[in-house]
Amino acid sequence: MDTSRVQPIKLSRVTQVLDRTSCSIIRNVKGLVREGNMITLLESEQGTRRLS
């Protein structure tokens, strides 16, 4: 594998969630996420730890 093209894993935070409810959801995301990207939350667990 050519490691010169591999980017390090970055932790990102979604700052705006469009939802039909007033619930607050916290999710840790691995990978490159930029403003304007859409992500899909595949799990509905309630116990996600905050990143420090």
PDB file of N, CA and C in Angstrom:
ATOM      1  N   MET A   1       0.844  -1.184   0.000  1.00  0.00           N
ATOM      2  CA  MET A   1       0.000   0.000   0.000  1.00  0.00           C
ATOM      3  C   MET A   1       0.882   1.237   0.000  1.00  0.00           C
ATOM      4  N   ASP A   2       0.550   2.205  -0.832  1.00  0.00           N
ATOM      5  CA  ASP A   2       1.308   3.448  -0.933  1.00  0.00           C
ATOM      6  C   ASP A   2       0.881   4.377   0.200  1.00  0.00           C
ATOM      7  N   THR A   3       1.740   4.528   1.210  1.00  0.00           N
ATOM      8  CA  THR A   3       1.382   5.336   2.383  1.00  0.00           C
ATOM      9  C   THR A   3       1.540   6.830   2.154  1.00  0.00           C
ATOM     10  N   SER A   4       2.089   7.244   1.018  1.00  0.00           N
ATOM     11  CA  SER A   4       2.244   8.677   0.762  1.00  0.00           C
ATOM     12  C   SER A   4       0.904   9.338   0.461  1.00  0.00           C
ATOM     13  N   ARG A   5      -0.097   8.572   0.061  1.00  0.00           N
ATOM     14  CA  ARG A   5      -1.415   9.126  -0.262  1.00  0.00           C
ATOM     15  C   ARG A   5      -2.426   8.964   0.866  1.00  0.00           C
ATOM     16  N   VAL A   6      -2.062   8.256   1.911  1.00  0.00           N
ATOM     17  CA  VAL A   6      -2.987   8.000   3.013  1.00  0.00           C
ATOM     18  C   VAL A   6      -3.069   9.236   3.898  1.00  0.00           C
ATOM     19  N   GLN A   7      -4.306   9.692   4.147  1.00  0.00           N
ATOM     20  CA  GLN A   7      -4.511  10.842   5.021  1.00  0.00           C
ATOM     21  C   GLN A   7      -4.821  10.344   6.426  1.00  0.00           C
ATOM     22  N   PRO A   8      -4.364  11.061   7.447  1.00  0.00           N
ATOM     23  CA  PRO A   8      -4.660  10.636   8.821  1.00  0.00           C
ATOM     24  C   PRO A   8      -6.150  10.779   9.126  1.00  0.00           C
ATOM     25  N   ILE A   9      -6.636   9.983  10.069  1.00  0.00           N
ATOM     26  CA  ILE A   9      -8.039  10.065  10.480  1.00  0.00           C
ATOM     27  C   ILE A   9      -8.241  11.346  11.270  1.00  0.00           C
ATOM     28  N   LYS A  10      -9.267  12.099  10.897  1.00  0.00           N
ATOM     29  CA  LYS A  10      -9.577  13.344  11.593  1.00  0.00           C
ATOM     30  C   LYS A  10     -10.915  13.186  12.296  1.00  0.00           C
ATOM     31  N   LEU A  11     -11.029  13.777  13.454  1.00  0.00           N
ATOM     32  CA  LEU A  11     -12.286  13.780  14.181  1.00  0.00           C
ATOM     33  C   LEU A  11     -13.015  15.069  13.853  1.00  0.00           C
ATOM     34  N   SER A  12     -14.293  14.968  13.549  1.00  0.00           N
ATOM     35  CA  SER A  12     -15.072  16.123  13.113  1.00  0.00           C
ATOM     36  C   SER A  12     -16.314  16.264  13.962  1.00  0.00           C
ATOM     37  N   ARG A  13     -16.876  17.432  13.933  1.00  0.00           N
ATOM     38  CA  ARG A  13     -18.108  17.710  14.668  1.00  0.00           C
ATOM     39  C   ARG A  13     -19.121  18.323  13.709  1.00  0.00           C
ATOM     40  N   VAL A  14     -20.321  17.761  13.671  1.00  0.00           N
ATOM     41  CA  VAL A  14     -21.405  18.316  12.870  1.00  0.00           C
ATOM     42  C   VAL A  14     -22.006  19.458  13.668  1.00  0.00           C
ATOM     43  N   THR A  15     -22.101  20.635  13.070  1.00  0.00           N
ATOM     44  CA  THR A  15     -22.581  21.797  13.815  1.00  0.00           C
ATOM     45  C   THR A  15     -24.052  22.094  13.572  1.00  0.00           C
ATOM     46  N   GLN A  16     -24.639  21.502  12.551  1.00  0.00           N
ATOM     47  CA  GLN A  16     -26.050  21.748  12.296  1.00  0.00           C
ATOM     48  C   GLN A  16     -26.711  20.447  11.870  1.00  0.00           C
ATOM     49  N   VAL A  17     -27.816  20.123  12.505  1.00  0.00           N
ATOM     50  CA  VAL A  17     -28.555  18.910  12.181  1.00  0.00           C
ATOM     51  C   VAL A  17     -29.973  19.311  11.801  1.00  0.00           C
ATOM     52  N   LEU A  18     -30.416  18.862  10.659  1.00  0.00           N
ATOM     53  CA  LEU A  18     -31.787  19.114  10.237  1.00  0.00           C
ATOM     54  C   LEU A  18     -32.624  17.917  10.663  1.00  0.00           C
ATOM     55  N   ASP A  19     -33.568  18.152  11.558  1.00  0.00           N
ATOM     56  CA  ASP A  19     -34.346  17.067  12.141  1.00  0.00           C
ATOM     57  C   ASP A  19     -35.768  17.548  12.368  1.00  0.00           C
ATOM     58  N   ARG A  20     -36.683  16.619  12.422  1.00  0.00           N
ATOM     59  CA  ARG A  20     -38.075  16.963  12.660  1.00  0.00           C
ATOM     60  C   ARG A  20     -38.405  17.088  14.136  1.00  0.00           C
ATOM     61  N   THR A  21     -37.497  16.656  14.995  1.00  0.00           N
ATOM     62  CA  THR A  21     -37.750  16.729  16.433  1.00  0.00           C
ATOM     63  C   THR A  21     -36.805  17.742  17.064  1.00  0.00           C
ATOM     64  N   SER A  22     -37.004  17.996  18.333  1.00  0.00           N
ATOM     65  CA  SER A  22     -36.126  18.933  19.036  1.00  0.00           C
ATOM     66  C   SER A  22     -35.063  18.199  19.840  1.00  0.00           C
ATOM     67  N   CYS A  23     -34.795  16.935  19.520  1.00  0.00           N
ATOM     68  CA  CYS A  23     -33.802  16.140  20.245  1.00  0.00           C
ATOM     69  C   CYS A  23     -32.391  16.582  19.877  1.00  0.00           C
ATOM     70  N   SER A  24     -31.497  16.480  20.824  1.00  0.00           N
ATOM     71  CA  SER A  24     -30.080  16.767  20.593  1.00  0.00           C
ATOM     72  C   SER A  24     -29.341  15.444  20.459  1.00  0.00           C
ATOM     73  N   ILE A  25     -28.624  15.262  19.348  1.00  0.00           N
ATOM     74  CA  ILE A  25     -27.902  14.020  19.089  1.00  0.00           C
ATOM     75  C   ILE A  25     -26.421  14.341  18.968  1.00  0.00           C
ATOM     76  N   ILE A  26     -25.584  13.606  19.703  1.00  0.00           N
ATOM     77  CA  ILE A  26     -24.134  13.788  19.633  1.00  0.00           C
ATOM     78  C   ILE A  26     -23.543  12.548  18.997  1.00  0.00           C
ATOM     79  N   ARG A  27     -22.754  12.724  17.947  1.00  0.00           N
ATOM     80  CA  ARG A  27     -22.103  11.604  17.276  1.00  0.00           C
ATOM     81  C   ARG A  27     -20.664  11.973  16.967  1.00  0.00           C
ATOM     82  N   ASN A  28     -19.762  11.026  17.175  1.00  0.00           N
ATOM     83  CA  ASN A  28     -18.370  11.187  16.778  1.00  0.00           C
ATOM     84  C   ASN A  28     -18.228  10.641  15.364  1.00  0.00           C
ATOM     85  N   VAL A  29     -17.565  11.393  14.499  1.00  0.00           N
ATOM     86  CA  VAL A  29     -17.450  11.023  13.092  1.00  0.00           C
ATOM     87  C   VAL A  29     -15.986  10.840  12.748  1.00  0.00           C
ATOM     88  N   LYS A  30     -15.649   9.699  12.140  1.00  0.00           N
ATOM     89  CA  LYS A  30     -14.289   9.469  11.666  1.00  0.00           C
ATOM     90  C   LYS A  30     -14.224   9.834  10.192  1.00  0.00           C
ATOM     91  N   GLY A  31     -13.156  10.491   9.816  1.00  0.00           N
ATOM     92  CA  GLY A  31     -12.959  10.815   8.407  1.00  0.00           C
ATOM     93  C   GLY A  31     -13.142  12.291   8.137  1.00  0.00           C
ATOM     94  N   LEU A  32     -12.957  12.654   6.886  1.00  0.00           N
ATOM     95  CA  LEU A  32     -13.019  14.043   6.466  1.00  0.00           C
ATOM     96  C   LEU A  32     -14.469  14.457   6.246  1.00  0.00           C
ATOM     97  N   VAL A  33     -14.934  15.428   7.013  1.00  0.00           N
ATOM     98  CA  VAL A  33     -16.281  15.965   6.871  1.00  0.00           C
ATOM     99  C   VAL A  33     -16.152  17.465   6.764  1.00  0.00           C
ATOM    100  N   ARG A  34     -16.743  18.014   5.732  1.00  0.00           N
ATOM    101  CA  ARG A  34     -16.698  19.462   5.527  1.00  0.00           C
ATOM    102  C   ARG A  34     -18.100  20.034   5.611  1.00  0.00           C
ATOM    103  N   GLU A  35     -18.175  21.348   5.834  1.00  0.00           N
ATOM    104  CA  GLU A  35     -19.468  22.018   5.894  1.00  0.00           C
ATOM    105  C   GLU A  35     -20.179  21.840   4.561  1.00  0.00           C
ATOM    106  N   GLY A  36     -21.422  21.470   4.625  1.00  0.00           N
ATOM    107  CA  GLY A  36     -22.188  21.225   3.418  1.00  0.00           C
ATOM    108  C   GLY A  36     -22.301  19.750   3.061  1.00  0.00           C
ATOM    109  N   ASN A  37     -21.469  18.889   3.678  1.00  0.00           N
ATOM    110  CA  ASN A  37     -21.559  17.449   3.433  1.00  0.00           C
ATOM    111  C   ASN A  37     -22.769  16.881   4.157  1.00  0.00           C
ATOM    112  N   MET A  38     -23.339  15.819   3.599  1.00  0.00           N
ATOM    113  CA  MET A  38     -24.427  15.108   4.256  1.00  0.00           C
ATOM    114  C   MET A  38     -23.882  13.791   4.772  1.00  0.00           C
ATOM    115  N   ILE A  39     -24.207  13.453   6.014  1.00  0.00           N
ATOM    116  CA  ILE A  39     -23.796  12.169   6.577  1.00  0.00           C
ATOM    117  C   ILE A  39     -25.039  11.418   7.028  1.00  0.00           C
ATOM    118  N   THR A  40     -24.933  10.115   7.092  1.00  0.00           N
ATOM    119  CA  THR A  40     -26.030   9.271   7.544  1.00  0.00           C
ATOM    120  C   THR A  40     -25.646   8.644   8.871  1.00  0.00           C
ATOM    121  N   LEU A  41     -26.500   8.781   9.860  1.00  0.00           N
ATOM    122  CA  LEU A  41     -26.270   8.158  11.158  1.00  0.00           C
ATOM    123  C   LEU A  41     -26.837   6.749  11.097  1.00  0.00           C
ATOM    124  N   LEU A  42     -25.958   5.751  11.168  1.00  0.00           N
ATOM    125  CA  LEU A  42     -26.380   4.366  10.997  1.00  0.00           C
ATOM    126  C   LEU A  42     -26.845   3.723  12.291  1.00  0.00           C
ATOM    127  N   GLU A  43     -26.481   4.277  13.431  1.00  0.00           N
ATOM    128  CA  GLU A  43     -26.871   3.711  14.713  1.00  0.00           C
ATOM    129  C   GLU A  43     -27.672   4.738  15.494  1.00  0.00           C
ATOM    130  N   SER A  44     -28.542   4.259  16.363  1.00  0.00           N
ATOM    131  CA  SER A  44     -29.378   5.175  17.137  1.00  0.00           C
ATOM    132  C   SER A  44     -29.109   5.055  18.629  1.00  0.00           C
ATOM    133  N   GLU A  45     -27.870   4.739  19.000  1.00  0.00           N
ATOM    134  CA  GLU A  45     -27.520   4.631  20.412  1.00  0.00           C
ATOM    135  C   GLU A  45     -27.566   5.998  21.081  1.00  0.00           C
ATOM    136  N   GLN A  46     -27.845   6.000  22.362  1.00  0.00           N
ATOM    137  CA  GLN A  46     -27.902   7.251  23.113  1.00  0.00           C
ATOM    138  C   GLN A  46     -26.600   7.558  23.835  1.00  0.00           C
ATOM    139  N   GLY A  47     -25.680   6.608  23.948  1.00  0.00           N
ATOM    140  CA  GLY A  47     -24.489   6.790  24.773  1.00  0.00           C
ATOM    141  C   GLY A  47     -23.220   7.054  23.994  1.00  0.00           C
ATOM    142  N   THR A  48     -23.070   8.219  23.414  1.00  0.00           N
ATOM    143  CA  THR A  48     -21.841   8.593  22.725  1.00  0.00           C
ATOM    144  C   THR A  48     -21.040   9.524  23.625  1.00  0.00           C
ATOM    145  N   ARG A  49     -19.734   9.255  23.759  1.00  0.00           N
ATOM    146  CA  ARG A  49     -18.883  10.091  24.608  1.00  0.00           C
ATOM    147  C   ARG A  49     -18.501  11.365  23.866  1.00  0.00           C
ATOM    148  N   ARG A  50     -18.398  12.464  24.603  1.00  0.00           N
ATOM    149  CA  ARG A  50     -17.946  13.726  24.022  1.00  0.00           C
ATOM    150  C   ARG A  50     -16.450  13.676  23.787  1.00  0.00           C
ATOM    151  N   LEU A  51     -16.000  14.285  22.698  1.00  0.00           N
ATOM    152  CA  LEU A  51     -14.572  14.385  22.419  1.00  0.00           C
ATOM    153  C   LEU A  51     -13.996  15.530  23.225  1.00  0.00           C
ATOM    154  N   SER A  52     -12.824  15.338  23.783  1.00  0.00           N
ATOM    155  CA  SER A  52     -12.226  16.413  24.583  1.00  0.00           C
ATOM    156  C   SER A  52     -11.238  17.202  23.763  1.00  0.00           C
TER     157      SER A  52
END
